[in-house]
Amino acid sequence: MSSKKKHPAHQHDHLNPDWDPLKDEACEAFTELVTVDDAEIIGSVAVDSGQIQIGDCGKVQVYANTAYGDGYYPVWRGKKYLVIPIDFIANMRHEDAIRDWCEENKEELMSET
């Protein structure tokens, strides 16, 4: 995929009151990737232009607009992948929803093991 491709403005799905983080396929895929790849957060990238920019020797080779503009974006490193989510708030809400669901269904989960 070319870094020059223009992506539509981010929709901020998680701001929609009907958004269900447990049914968000992208969040599910991200969680599965970081789990299977045994990824951990190794730091963050400071963004002050609304874009995450990756390059070398002073030349930007790849860029991606972020969902929120400026801020600090977590960097995940696994065995095979380096991942920087451009909408980390949705991923955080997904993780919170999974944790809440597990807490609410603790007895059922314990009986299955």
PDB file of N, CA and C in Angstrom:
ATOM      1  N   MET A   1       0.838  -1.166   0.000  1.00  0.00           N
ATOM      2  CA  MET A   1       0.000   0.000   0.000  1.00  0.00           C
ATOM      3  C   MET A   1       0.890   1.239   0.000  1.00  0.00           C
ATOM      4  N   SER A   2       0.570   2.166  -0.837  1.00  0.00           N
ATOM      5  CA  SER A   2       1.328   3.388  -0.961  1.00  0.00           C
ATOM      6  C   SER A   2       1.023   4.340   0.190  1.00  0.00           C
ATOM      7  N   SER A   3       2.065   4.995   0.677  1.00  0.00           N
ATOM      8  CA  SER A   3       1.850   5.988   1.725  1.00  0.00           C
ATOM      9  C   SER A   3       1.199   7.244   1.160  1.00  0.00           C
ATOM     10  N   LYS A   4       1.138   7.364  -0.151  1.00  0.00           N
ATOM     11  CA  LYS A   4       0.539   8.530  -0.786  1.00  0.00           C
ATOM     12  C   LYS A   4      -0.983   8.416  -0.876  1.00  0.00           C
ATOM     13  N   LYS A   5      -1.518   7.242  -0.623  1.00  0.00           N
ATOM     14  CA  LYS A   5      -2.959   7.026  -0.725  1.00  0.00           C
ATOM     15  C   LYS A   5      -3.692   7.903   0.279  1.00  0.00           C
ATOM     16  N   LYS A   6      -4.722   8.571  -0.176  1.00  0.00           N
ATOM     17  CA  LYS A   6      -5.511   9.427   0.706  1.00  0.00           C
ATOM     18  C   LYS A   6      -6.612   8.602   1.353  1.00  0.00           C
ATOM     19  N   HIS A   7      -6.668   8.608   2.649  1.00  0.00           N
ATOM     20  CA  HIS A   7      -7.692   7.882   3.383  1.00  0.00           C
ATOM     21  C   HIS A   7      -8.790   8.857   3.785  1.00  0.00           C
ATOM     22  N   PRO A   8     -10.035   8.381   3.816  1.00  0.00           N
ATOM     23  CA  PRO A   8     -11.110   9.279   4.263  1.00  0.00           C
ATOM     24  C   PRO A   8     -10.893   9.672   5.717  1.00  0.00           C
ATOM     25  N   ALA A   9     -11.495  10.753   6.099  1.00  0.00           N
ATOM     26  CA  ALA A   9     -11.384  11.192   7.491  1.00  0.00           C
ATOM     27  C   ALA A   9     -11.834  10.073   8.411  1.00  0.00           C
ATOM     28  N   HIS A  10     -11.165   9.926   9.519  1.00  0.00           N
ATOM     29  CA  HIS A  10     -11.491   8.873  10.465  1.00  0.00           C
ATOM     30  C   HIS A  10     -12.890   9.102  11.006  1.00  0.00           C
ATOM     31  N   GLN A  11     -13.646   8.047  11.147  1.00  0.00           N
ATOM     32  CA  GLN A  11     -15.039   8.165  11.548  1.00  0.00           C
ATOM     33  C   GLN A  11     -15.245   8.207  13.057  1.00  0.00           C
ATOM     34  N   HIS A  12     -14.224   7.908  13.839  1.00  0.00           N
ATOM     35  CA  HIS A  12     -14.349   7.869  15.292  1.00  0.00           C
ATOM     36  C   HIS A  12     -15.549   7.010  15.709  1.00  0.00           C
ATOM     37  N   ASP A  13     -15.584   5.776  15.230  1.00  0.00           N
ATOM     38  CA  ASP A  13     -16.686   4.867  15.542  1.00  0.00           C
ATOM     39  C   ASP A  13     -16.980   4.802  17.032  1.00  0.00           C
ATOM     40  N   HIS A  14     -15.930   4.803  17.837  1.00  0.00           N
ATOM     41  CA  HIS A  14     -16.123   4.633  19.274  1.00  0.00           C
ATOM     42  C   HIS A  14     -16.818   5.831  19.932  1.00  0.00           C
ATOM     43  N   LEU A  15     -17.002   6.931  19.203  1.00  0.00           N
ATOM     44  CA  LEU A  15     -17.757   8.061  19.738  1.00  0.00           C
ATOM     45  C   LEU A  15     -19.250   7.911  19.485  1.00  0.00           C
ATOM     46  N   ASN A  16     -19.606   6.979  18.621  1.00  0.00           N
ATOM     47  CA  ASN A  16     -21.008   6.691  18.337  1.00  0.00           C
ATOM     48  C   ASN A  16     -21.578   5.922  19.531  1.00  0.00           C
ATOM     49  N   PRO A  17     -22.685   6.368  20.133  1.00  0.00           N
ATOM     50  CA  PRO A  17     -23.228   5.684  21.310  1.00  0.00           C
ATOM     51  C   PRO A  17     -23.663   4.244  21.023  1.00  0.00           C
ATOM     52  N   ASP A  18     -23.890   3.901  19.762  1.00  0.00           N
ATOM     53  CA  ASP A  18     -24.294   2.540  19.404  1.00  0.00           C
ATOM     54  C   ASP A  18     -23.104   1.630  19.118  1.00  0.00           C
ATOM     55  N   TRP A  19     -21.890   2.172  19.165  1.00  0.00           N
ATOM     56  CA  TRP A  19     -20.695   1.386  18.859  1.00  0.00           C
ATOM     57  C   TRP A  19     -20.468   0.359  19.952  1.00  0.00           C
ATOM     58  N   ASP A  20     -20.288  -0.898  19.545  1.00  0.00           N
ATOM     59  CA  ASP A  20     -20.026  -1.979  20.498  1.00  0.00           C
ATOM     60  C   ASP A  20     -18.583  -2.431  20.316  1.00  0.00           C
ATOM     61  N   PRO A  21     -17.706  -2.109  21.258  1.00  0.00           N
ATOM     62  CA  PRO A  21     -16.297  -2.463  21.089  1.00  0.00           C
ATOM     63  C   PRO A  21     -16.055  -3.963  20.962  1.00  0.00           C
ATOM     64  N   LEU A  22     -16.969  -4.769  21.505  1.00  0.00           N
ATOM     65  CA  LEU A  22     -16.781  -6.219  21.406  1.00  0.00           C
ATOM     66  C   LEU A  22     -17.145  -6.762  20.026  1.00  0.00           C
ATOM     67  N   LYS A  23     -17.749  -5.924  19.185  1.00  0.00           N
ATOM     68  CA  LYS A  23     -18.106  -6.345  17.833  1.00  0.00           C
ATOM     69  C   LYS A  23     -17.294  -5.621  16.763  1.00  0.00           C
ATOM     70  N   ASP A  24     -16.292  -4.874  17.171  1.00  0.00           N
ATOM     71  CA  ASP A  24     -15.453  -4.141  16.228  1.00  0.00           C
ATOM     72  C   ASP A  24     -14.376  -5.087  15.685  1.00  0.00           C
ATOM     73  N   GLU A  25     -14.492  -5.441  14.412  1.00  0.00           N
ATOM     74  CA  GLU A  25     -13.587  -6.437  13.825  1.00  0.00           C
ATOM     75  C   GLU A  25     -12.136  -5.971  13.806  1.00  0.00           C
ATOM     76  N   ALA A  26     -11.908  -4.678  13.581  1.00  0.00           N
ATOM     77  CA  ALA A  26     -10.532  -4.178  13.558  1.00  0.00           C
ATOM     78  C   ALA A  26      -9.901  -4.271  14.943  1.00  0.00           C
ATOM     79  N   CYS A  27     -10.665  -3.946  15.978  1.00  0.00           N
ATOM     80  CA  CYS A  27     -10.144  -4.061  17.347  1.00  0.00           C
ATOM     81  C   CYS A  27      -9.875  -5.517  17.699  1.00  0.00           C
ATOM     82  N   GLU A  28     -10.777  -6.403  17.291  1.00  0.00           N
ATOM     83  CA  GLU A  28     -10.570  -7.842  17.530  1.00  0.00           C
ATOM     84  C   GLU A  28      -9.288  -8.317  16.847  1.00  0.00           C
ATOM     85  N   ALA A  29      -9.091  -7.911  15.597  1.00  0.00           N
ATOM     86  CA  ALA A  29      -7.903  -8.325  14.838  1.00  0.00           C
ATOM     87  C   ALA A  29      -6.633  -7.772  15.484  1.00  0.00           C
ATOM     88  N   PHE A  30      -6.681  -6.530  15.941  1.00  0.00           N
ATOM     89  CA  PHE A  30      -5.516  -5.940  16.593  1.00  0.00           C
ATOM     90  C   PHE A  30      -5.169  -6.706  17.867  1.00  0.00           C
ATOM     91  N   THR A  31      -6.179  -6.984  18.681  1.00  0.00           N
ATOM     92  CA  THR A  31      -5.951  -7.723  19.923  1.00  0.00           C
ATOM     93  C   THR A  31      -5.367  -9.105  19.630  1.00  0.00           C
ATOM     94  N   GLU A  32      -5.904  -9.762  18.615  1.00  0.00           N
ATOM     95  CA  GLU A  32      -5.377 -11.075  18.258  1.00  0.00           C
ATOM     96  C   GLU A  32      -3.929 -10.981  17.775  1.00  0.00           C
ATOM     97  N   LEU A  33      -3.625  -9.959  16.965  1.00  0.00           N
ATOM     98  CA  LEU A  33      -2.260  -9.796  16.472  1.00  0.00           C
ATOM     99  C   LEU A  33      -1.273  -9.604  17.615  1.00  0.00           C
ATOM    100  N   VAL A  34      -1.559  -8.673  18.533  1.00  0.00           N
ATOM    101  CA  VAL A  34      -0.595  -8.421  19.599  1.00  0.00           C
ATOM    102  C   VAL A  34      -0.491  -9.615  20.546  1.00  0.00           C
ATOM    103  N   THR A  35      -1.558 -10.391  20.664  1.00  0.00           N
ATOM    104  CA  THR A  35      -1.516 -11.582  21.514  1.00  0.00           C
ATOM    105  C   THR A  35      -0.696 -12.684  20.856  1.00  0.00           C
ATOM    106  N   VAL A  36      -1.021 -13.008  19.613  1.00  0.00           N
ATOM    107  CA  VAL A  36      -0.338 -14.090  18.898  1.00  0.00           C
ATOM    108  C   VAL A  36       1.133 -13.754  18.656  1.00  0.00           C
ATOM    109  N   ASP A  37       1.411 -12.475  18.372  1.00  0.00           N
ATOM    110  CA  ASP A  37       2.785 -12.059  18.095  1.00  0.00           C
ATOM    111  C   ASP A  37       3.561 -11.753  19.379  1.00  0.00           C
ATOM    112  N   ASP A  38       2.925 -11.979  20.524  1.00  0.00           N
ATOM    113  CA  ASP A  38       3.562 -11.757  21.825  1.00  0.00           C
ATOM    114  C   ASP A  38       4.132 -10.339  21.912  1.00  0.00           C
ATOM    115  N   ALA A  39       3.320  -9.373  21.482  1.00  0.00           N
ATOM    116  CA  ALA A  39       3.770  -7.988  21.418  1.00  0.00           C
ATOM    117  C   ALA A  39       3.654  -7.296  22.770  1.00  0.00           C
ATOM    118  N   GLU A  40       4.493  -6.308  22.951  1.00  0.00           N
ATOM    119  CA  GLU A  40       4.454  -5.484  24.143  1.00  0.00           C
ATOM    120  C   GLU A  40       4.716  -4.045  23.729  1.00  0.00           C
ATOM    121  N   ILE A  41       4.231  -3.116  24.551  1.00  0.00           N
ATOM    122  CA  ILE A  41       4.475  -1.709  24.264  1.00  0.00           C
ATOM    123  C   ILE A  41       5.924  -1.403  24.615  1.00  0.00           C
ATOM    124  N   ILE A  42       6.654  -0.870  23.636  1.00  0.00           N
ATOM    125  CA  ILE A  42       8.073  -0.568  23.855  1.00  0.00           C
ATOM    126  C   ILE A  42       8.328   0.929  23.988  1.00  0.00           C
ATOM    127  N   GLY A  43       7.288   1.714  23.828  1.00  0.00           N
ATOM    128  CA  GLY A  43       7.445   3.162  23.933  1.00  0.00           C
ATOM    129  C   GLY A  43       6.291   3.850  23.239  1.00  0.00           C
ATOM    130  N   SER A  44       6.509   5.087  22.894  1.00  0.00           N
ATOM    131  CA  SER A  44       5.475   5.837  22.188  1.00  0.00           C
ATOM    132  C   SER A  44       6.128   6.771  21.184  1.00  0.00           C
ATOM    133  N   VAL A  45       5.326   7.198  20.236  1.00  0.00           N
ATOM    134  CA  VAL A  45       5.763   8.135  19.214  1.00  0.00           C
ATOM    135  C   VAL A  45       5.050   9.452  19.484  1.00  0.00           C
ATOM    136  N   ALA A  46       5.809  10.523  19.609  1.00  0.00           N
ATOM    137  CA  ALA A  46       5.214  11.842  19.785  1.00  0.00           C
ATOM    138  C   ALA A  46       4.816  12.382  18.421  1.00  0.00           C
ATOM    139  N   VAL A  47       3.573  12.829  18.322  1.00  0.00           N
ATOM    140  CA  VAL A  47       3.050  13.351  17.066  1.00  0.00           C
ATOM    141  C   VAL A  47       2.676  14.806  17.285  1.00  0.00           C
ATOM    142  N   ASP A  48       3.225  15.692  16.454  1.00  0.00           N
ATOM    143  CA  ASP A  48       2.859  17.101  16.574  1.00  0.00           C
ATOM    144  C   ASP A  48       2.388  17.687  15.242  1.00  0.00           C
ATOM    145  N   SER A  49       2.164  16.834  14.273  1.00  0.00           N
ATOM    146  CA  SER A  49       1.687  17.308  12.974  1.00  0.00           C
ATOM    147  C   SER A  49       0.389  16.628  12.566  1.00  0.00           C
ATOM    148  N   GLY A  50      -0.155  15.804  13.456  1.00  0.00           N
ATOM    149  CA  GLY A  50      -1.359  15.054  13.108  1.00  0.00           C
ATOM    150  C   GLY A  50      -1.064  13.841  12.254  1.00  0.00           C
ATOM    151  N   GLN A  51       0.221  13.567  12.035  1.00  0.00           N
ATOM    152  CA  GLN A  51       0.624  12.418  11.235  1.00  0.00           C
ATOM    153  C   GLN A  51       1.758  11.672  11.926  1.00  0.00           C
ATOM    154  N   ILE A  52       1.680  10.354  11.862  1.00  0.00           N
ATOM    155  CA  ILE A  52       2.812   9.536  12.264  1.00  0.00           C
ATOM    156  C   ILE A  52       3.696   9.430  11.026  1.00  0.00           C
ATOM    157  N   GLN A  53       4.958   9.789  11.172  1.00  0.00           N
ATOM    158  CA  GLN A  53       5.873   9.786  10.037  1.00  0.00           C
ATOM    159  C   GLN A  53       7.046   8.875  10.350  1.00  0.00           C
ATOM    160  N   ILE A  54       7.363   8.013   9.406  1.00  0.00           N
ATOM    161  CA  ILE A  54       8.472   7.074   9.575  1.00  0.00           C
ATOM    162  C   ILE A  54       9.431   7.267   8.414  1.00  0.00           C
ATOM    163  N   GLY A  55      10.696   7.365   8.728  1.00  0.00           N
ATOM    164  CA  GLY A  55      11.692   7.540   7.679  1.00  0.00           C
ATOM    165  C   GLY A  55      13.083   7.363   8.239  1.00  0.00           C
ATOM    166  N   ASP A  56      14.046   7.769   7.450  1.00  0.00           N
ATOM    167  CA  ASP A  56      15.441   7.658   7.837  1.00  0.00           C
ATOM    168  C   ASP A  56      16.202   8.793   7.164  1.00  0.00           C
ATOM    169  N   CYS A  57      17.258   9.219   7.793  1.00  0.00           N
ATOM    170  CA  CYS A  57      18.132  10.253   7.240  1.00  0.00           C
ATOM    171  C   CYS A  57      17.377  11.528   6.885  1.00  0.00           C
ATOM    172  N   GLY A  58      16.402  11.889   7.710  1.00  0.00           N
ATOM    173  CA  GLY A  58      15.682  13.129   7.501  1.00  0.00           C
ATOM    174  C   GLY A  58      14.636  13.104   6.404  1.00  0.00           C
ATOM    175  N   LYS A  59      14.395  11.952   5.812  1.00  0.00           N
ATOM    176  CA  LYS A  59      13.405  11.849   4.737  1.00  0.00           C
ATOM    177  C   LYS A  59      12.241  10.978   5.205  1.00  0.00           C
ATOM    178  N   VAL A  60      11.021  11.536   5.136  1.00  0.00           N
ATOM    179  CA  VAL A  60       9.827  10.774   5.498  1.00  0.00           C
ATOM    180  C   VAL A  60       9.527   9.811   4.359  1.00  0.00           C
ATOM    181  N   GLN A  61       9.447   8.525   4.687  1.00  0.00           N
ATOM    182  CA  GLN A  61       9.174   7.517   3.679  1.00  0.00           C
ATOM    183  C   GLN A  61       7.745   7.009   3.745  1.00  0.00           C
ATOM    184  N   VAL A  62       7.154   7.030   4.933  1.00  0.00           N
ATOM    185  CA  VAL A  62       5.781   6.558   5.140  1.00  0.00           C
ATOM    186  C   VAL A  62       5.119   7.491   6.145  1.00  0.00           C
ATOM    187  N   TYR A  63       3.853   7.819   5.912  1.00  0.00           N
ATOM    188  CA  TYR A  63       3.120   8.609   6.885  1.00  0.00           C
ATOM    189  C   TYR A  63       1.672   8.152   6.933  1.00  0.00           C
ATOM    190  N   ALA A  64       1.046   8.421   8.065  1.00  0.00           N
ATOM    191  CA  ALA A  64      -0.370   8.087   8.234  1.00  0.00           C
ATOM    192  C   ALA A  64      -1.005   9.144   9.124  1.00  0.00           C
ATOM    193  N   ASN A  65      -2.142   9.649   8.707  1.00  0.00           N
ATOM    194  CA  ASN A  65      -2.890  10.588   9.544  1.00  0.00           C
ATOM    195  C   ASN A  65      -3.385   9.851  10.774  1.00  0.00           C
ATOM    196  N   THR A  66      -3.342  10.527  11.905  1.00  0.00           N
ATOM    197  CA  THR A  66      -3.821   9.935  13.146  1.00  0.00           C
ATOM    198  C   THR A  66      -5.295  10.278  13.351  1.00  0.00           C
ATOM    199  N   ALA A  67      -5.940   9.524  14.207  1.00  0.00           N
ATOM    200  CA  ALA A  67      -7.356   9.760  14.479  1.00  0.00           C
ATOM    201  C   ALA A  67      -7.578  11.006  15.328  1.00  0.00           C
ATOM    202  N   TYR A  68      -6.586  11.401  16.121  1.00  0.00           N
ATOM    203  CA  TYR A  68      -6.768  12.483  17.080  1.00  0.00           C
ATOM    204  C   TYR A  68      -5.808  13.631  16.910  1.00  0.00           C
ATOM    205  N   GLY A  69      -4.985  13.598  15.883  1.00  0.00           N
ATOM    206  CA  GLY A  69      -4.016  14.676  15.722  1.00  0.00           C
ATOM    207  C   GLY A  69      -2.823  14.464  16.625  1.00  0.00           C
ATOM    208  N   ASP A  70      -2.436  15.499  17.316  1.00  0.00           N
ATOM    209  CA  ASP A  70      -1.228  15.468  18.134  1.00  0.00           C
ATOM    210  C   ASP A  70      -1.404  14.610  19.379  1.00  0.00           C
ATOM    211  N   GLY A  71      -0.291  14.119  19.887  1.00  0.00           N
ATOM    212  CA  GLY A  71      -0.309  13.329  21.110  1.00  0.00           C
ATOM    213  C   GLY A  71       0.774  12.273  21.079  1.00  0.00           C
ATOM    214  N   TYR A  72       0.691  11.364  22.026  1.00  0.00           N
ATOM    215  CA  TYR A  72       1.632  10.253  22.114  1.00  0.00           C
ATOM    216  C   TYR A  72       0.905   8.977  21.722  1.00  0.00           C
ATOM    217  N   TYR A  73       1.457   8.257  20.768  1.00  0.00           N
ATOM    218  CA  TYR A  73       0.842   7.036  20.242  1.00  0.00           C
ATOM    219  C   TYR A  73       1.717   5.848  20.622  1.00  0.00           C
ATOM    220  N   PRO A  74       1.115   4.806  21.202  1.00  0.00           N
ATOM    221  CA  PRO A  74       1.906   3.659  21.666  1.00  0.00           C
ATOM    222  C   PRO A  74       2.506   2.876  20.500  1.00  0.00           C
ATOM    223  N   VAL A  75       3.688   2.332  20.739  1.00  0.00           N
ATOM    224  CA  VAL A  75       4.373   1.499  19.752  1.00  0.00           C
ATOM    225  C   VAL A  75       4.465   0.091  20.328  1.00  0.00           C
ATOM    226  N   TRP A  76       3.911  -0.873  19.598  1.00  0.00           N
ATOM    227  CA  TRP A  76       3.930  -2.276  19.997  1.00  0.00           C
ATOM    228  C   TRP A  76       4.977  -3.006  19.180  1.00  0.00           C
ATOM    229  N   ARG A  77       5.787  -3.868  19.841  1.00  0.00           N
ATOM    230  CA  ARG A  77       6.758  -4.695  19.127  1.00  0.00           C
ATOM    231  C   ARG A  77       6.523  -6.142  19.500  1.00  0.00           C
ATOM    232  N   GLY A  78       6.345  -6.947  18.464  1.00  0.00           N
ATOM    233  CA  GLY A  78       6.190  -8.377  18.657  1.00  0.00           C
ATOM    234  C   GLY A  78       7.359  -9.108  18.039  1.00  0.00           C
ATOM    235  N   LYS A  79       7.185 -10.395  17.805  1.00  0.00           N
ATOM    236  CA  LYS A  79       8.234 -11.199  17.184  1.00  0.00           C
ATOM    237  C   LYS A  79       8.402 -10.858  15.708  1.00  0.00           C
ATOM    238  N   LYS A  80       7.275 -10.489  15.063  1.00  0.00           N
ATOM    239  CA  LYS A  80       7.304 -10.247  13.624  1.00  0.00           C
ATOM    240  C   LYS A  80       6.833  -8.868  13.202  1.00  0.00           C
ATOM    241  N   TYR A  81       6.162  -8.147  14.087  1.00  0.00           N
ATOM    242  CA  TYR A  81       5.544  -6.895  13.680  1.00  0.00           C
ATOM    243  C   TYR A  81       5.854  -5.760  14.640  1.00  0.00           C
ATOM    244  N   LEU A  82       5.931  -4.572  14.071  1.00  0.00           N
ATOM    245  CA  LEU A  82       5.982  -3.331  14.813  1.00  0.00           C
ATOM    246  C   LEU A  82       4.691  -2.612  14.453  1.00  0.00           C
ATOM    247  N   VAL A  83       3.888  -2.247  15.460  1.00  0.00           N
ATOM    248  CA  VAL A  83       2.555  -1.700  15.206  1.00  0.00           C
ATOM    249  C   VAL A  83       2.379  -0.387  15.962  1.00  0.00           C
ATOM    250  N   ILE A  84       1.863   0.606  15.255  1.00  0.00           N
ATOM    251  CA  ILE A  84       1.504   1.883  15.864  1.00  0.00           C
ATOM    252  C   ILE A  84       0.044   2.141  15.509  1.00  0.00           C
ATOM    253  N   PRO A  85      -0.881   1.943  16.435  1.00  0.00           N
ATOM    254  CA  PRO A  85      -2.292   2.188  16.125  1.00  0.00           C
ATOM    255  C   PRO A  85      -2.552   3.681  15.923  1.00  0.00           C
ATOM    256  N   ILE A  86      -3.268   4.019  14.853  1.00  0.00           N
ATOM    257  CA  ILE A  86      -3.594   5.424  14.623  1.00  0.00           C
ATOM    258  C   ILE A  86      -4.847   5.837  15.392  1.00  0.00           C
ATOM    259  N   ASP A  87      -5.576   4.864  15.940  1.00  0.00           N
ATOM    260  CA  ASP A  87      -6.750   5.140  16.771  1.00  0.00           C
ATOM    261  C   ASP A  87      -6.648   4.275  18.026  1.00  0.00           C
ATOM    262  N   PHE A  88      -5.723   4.624  18.903  1.00  0.00           N
ATOM    263  CA  PHE A  88      -5.479   3.797  20.083  1.00  0.00           C
ATOM    264  C   PHE A  88      -6.595   3.891  21.106  1.00  0.00           C
ATOM    265  N   ILE A  89      -7.415   4.948  21.062  1.00  0.00           N
ATOM    266  CA  ILE A  89      -8.525   5.070  22.010  1.00  0.00           C
ATOM    267  C   ILE A  89      -9.543   3.948  21.785  1.00  0.00           C
ATOM    268  N   ALA A  90      -9.839   3.632  20.519  1.00  0.00           N
ATOM    269  CA  ALA A  90     -10.766   2.532  20.224  1.00  0.00           C
ATOM    270  C   ALA A  90     -10.208   1.228  20.773  1.00  0.00           C
ATOM    271  N   ASN A  91      -8.905   1.001  20.632  1.00  0.00           N
ATOM    272  CA  ASN A  91      -8.298  -0.220  21.148  1.00  0.00           C
ATOM    273  C   ASN A  91      -8.355  -0.267  22.673  1.00  0.00           C
ATOM    274  N   MET A  92      -8.168   0.879  23.317  1.00  0.00           N
ATOM    275  CA  MET A  92      -8.249   0.920  24.778  1.00  0.00           C
ATOM    276  C   MET A  92      -9.673   0.622  25.235  1.00  0.00           C
ATOM    277  N   ARG A  93     -10.661   1.174  24.551  1.00  0.00           N
ATOM    278  CA  ARG A  93     -12.057   0.900  24.921  1.00  0.00           C
ATOM    279  C   ARG A  93     -12.397  -0.570  24.685  1.00  0.00           C
ATOM    280  N   HIS A  94     -11.814  -1.169  23.648  1.00  0.00           N
ATOM    281  CA  HIS A  94     -12.024  -2.593  23.371  1.00  0.00           C
ATOM    282  C   HIS A  94     -11.444  -3.436  24.501  1.00  0.00           C
ATOM    283  N   GLU A  95     -10.224  -3.124  24.920  1.00  0.00           N
ATOM    284  CA  GLU A  95      -9.598  -3.857  26.028  1.00  0.00           C
ATOM    285  C   GLU A  95     -10.421  -3.719  27.309  1.00  0.00           C
ATOM    286  N   ASP A  96     -10.915  -2.508  27.573  1.00  0.00           N
ATOM    287  CA  ASP A  96     -11.751  -2.286  28.762  1.00  0.00           C
ATOM    288  C   ASP A  96     -13.024  -3.126  28.693  1.00  0.00           C
ATOM    289  N   ALA A  97     -13.641  -3.192  27.502  1.00  0.00           N
ATOM    290  CA  ALA A  97     -14.877  -3.967  27.331  1.00  0.00           C
ATOM    291  C   ALA A  97     -14.626  -5.453  27.545  1.00  0.00           C
ATOM    292  N   ILE A  98     -13.490  -5.951  27.061  1.00  0.00           N
ATOM    293  CA  ILE A  98     -13.147  -7.364  27.272  1.00  0.00           C
ATOM    294  C   ILE A  98     -12.954  -7.630  28.760  1.00  0.00           C
ATOM    295  N   ARG A  99     -12.226  -6.755  29.437  1.00  0.00           N
ATOM    296  CA  ARG A  99     -11.986  -6.915  30.876  1.00  0.00           C
ATOM    297  C   ARG A  99     -13.314  -6.902  31.643  1.00  0.00           C
ATOM    298  N   ASP A 100     -14.202  -5.956  31.290  1.00  0.00           N
ATOM    299  CA  ASP A 100     -15.515  -5.878  31.950  1.00  0.00           C
ATOM    300  C   ASP A 100     -16.330  -7.145  31.701  1.00  0.00           C
ATOM    301  N   TRP A 101     -16.311  -7.622  30.452  1.00  0.00           N
ATOM    302  CA  TRP A 101     -17.073  -8.822  30.106  1.00  0.00           C
ATOM    303  C   TRP A 101     -16.557 -10.022  30.897  1.00  0.00           C
ATOM    304  N   CYS A 102     -15.241 -10.151  30.988  1.00  0.00           N
ATOM    305  CA  CYS A 102     -14.657 -11.269  31.742  1.00  0.00           C
ATOM    306  C   CYS A 102     -15.037 -11.189  33.216  1.00  0.00           C
ATOM    307  N   GLU A 103     -15.035  -9.999  33.767  1.00  0.00           N
ATOM    308  CA  GLU A 103     -15.409  -9.820  35.166  1.00  0.00           C
ATOM    309  C   GLU A 103     -16.878 -10.185  35.385  1.00  0.00           C
ATOM    310  N   GLU A 104     -17.733  -9.750  34.469  1.00  0.00           N
ATOM    311  CA  GLU A 104     -19.165 -10.036  34.580  1.00  0.00           C
ATOM    312  C   GLU A 104     -19.487 -11.514  34.371  1.00  0.00           C
ATOM    313  N   ASN A 105     -18.627 -12.223  33.659  1.00  0.00           N
ATOM    314  CA  ASN A 105     -18.874 -13.635  33.334  1.00  0.00           C
ATOM    315  C   ASN A 105     -17.840 -14.555  33.979  1.00  0.00           C
ATOM    316  N   LYS A 106     -17.259 -14.108  35.073  1.00  0.00           N
ATOM    317  CA  LYS A 106     -16.190 -14.844  35.734  1.00  0.00           C
ATOM    318  C   LYS A 106     -16.616 -16.258  36.118  1.00  0.00           C
ATOM    319  N   GLU A 107     -17.794 -16.397  36.696  1.00  0.00           N
ATOM    320  CA  GLU A 107     -18.260 -17.721  37.140  1.00  0.00           C
ATOM    321  C   GLU A 107     -18.421 -18.662  35.960  1.00  0.00           C
ATOM    322  N   GLU A 108     -19.005 -18.158  34.884  1.00  0.00           N
ATOM    323  CA  GLU A 108     -19.171 -18.992  33.679  1.00  0.00           C
ATOM    324  C   GLU A 108     -17.831 -19.412  33.100  1.00  0.00           C
ATOM    325  N   LEU A 109     -16.885 -18.483  33.072  1.00  0.00           N
ATOM    326  CA  LEU A 109     -15.574 -18.793  32.545  1.00  0.00           C
ATOM    327  C   LEU A 109     -14.845 -19.812  33.415  1.00  0.00           C
ATOM    328  N   MET A 110     -14.985 -19.676  34.721  1.00  0.00           N
ATOM    329  CA  MET A 110     -14.323 -20.610  35.642  1.00  0.00           C
ATOM    330  C   MET A 110     -14.909 -22.015  35.516  1.00  0.00           C
ATOM    331  N   SER A 111     -16.205 -22.121  35.245  1.00  0.00           N
ATOM    332  CA  SER A 111     -16.845 -23.434  35.136  1.00  0.00           C
ATOM    333  C   SER A 111     -16.443 -24.146  33.840  1.00  0.00           C
ATOM    334  N   GLU A 112     -15.983 -23.376  32.845  1.00  0.00           N
ATOM    335  CA  GLU A 112     -15.566 -23.976  31.575  1.00  0.00           C
ATOM    336  C   GLU A 112     -14.168 -24.542  31.634  1.00  0.00           C
ATOM    337  N   THR A 113     -13.378 -24.171  32.645  1.00  0.00           N
ATOM    338  CA  THR A 113     -11.999 -24.652  32.705  1.00  0.00           C
ATOM    339  C   THR A 113     -11.839 -25.899  33.491  1.00  0.00           C
TER     340      THR A 113
END
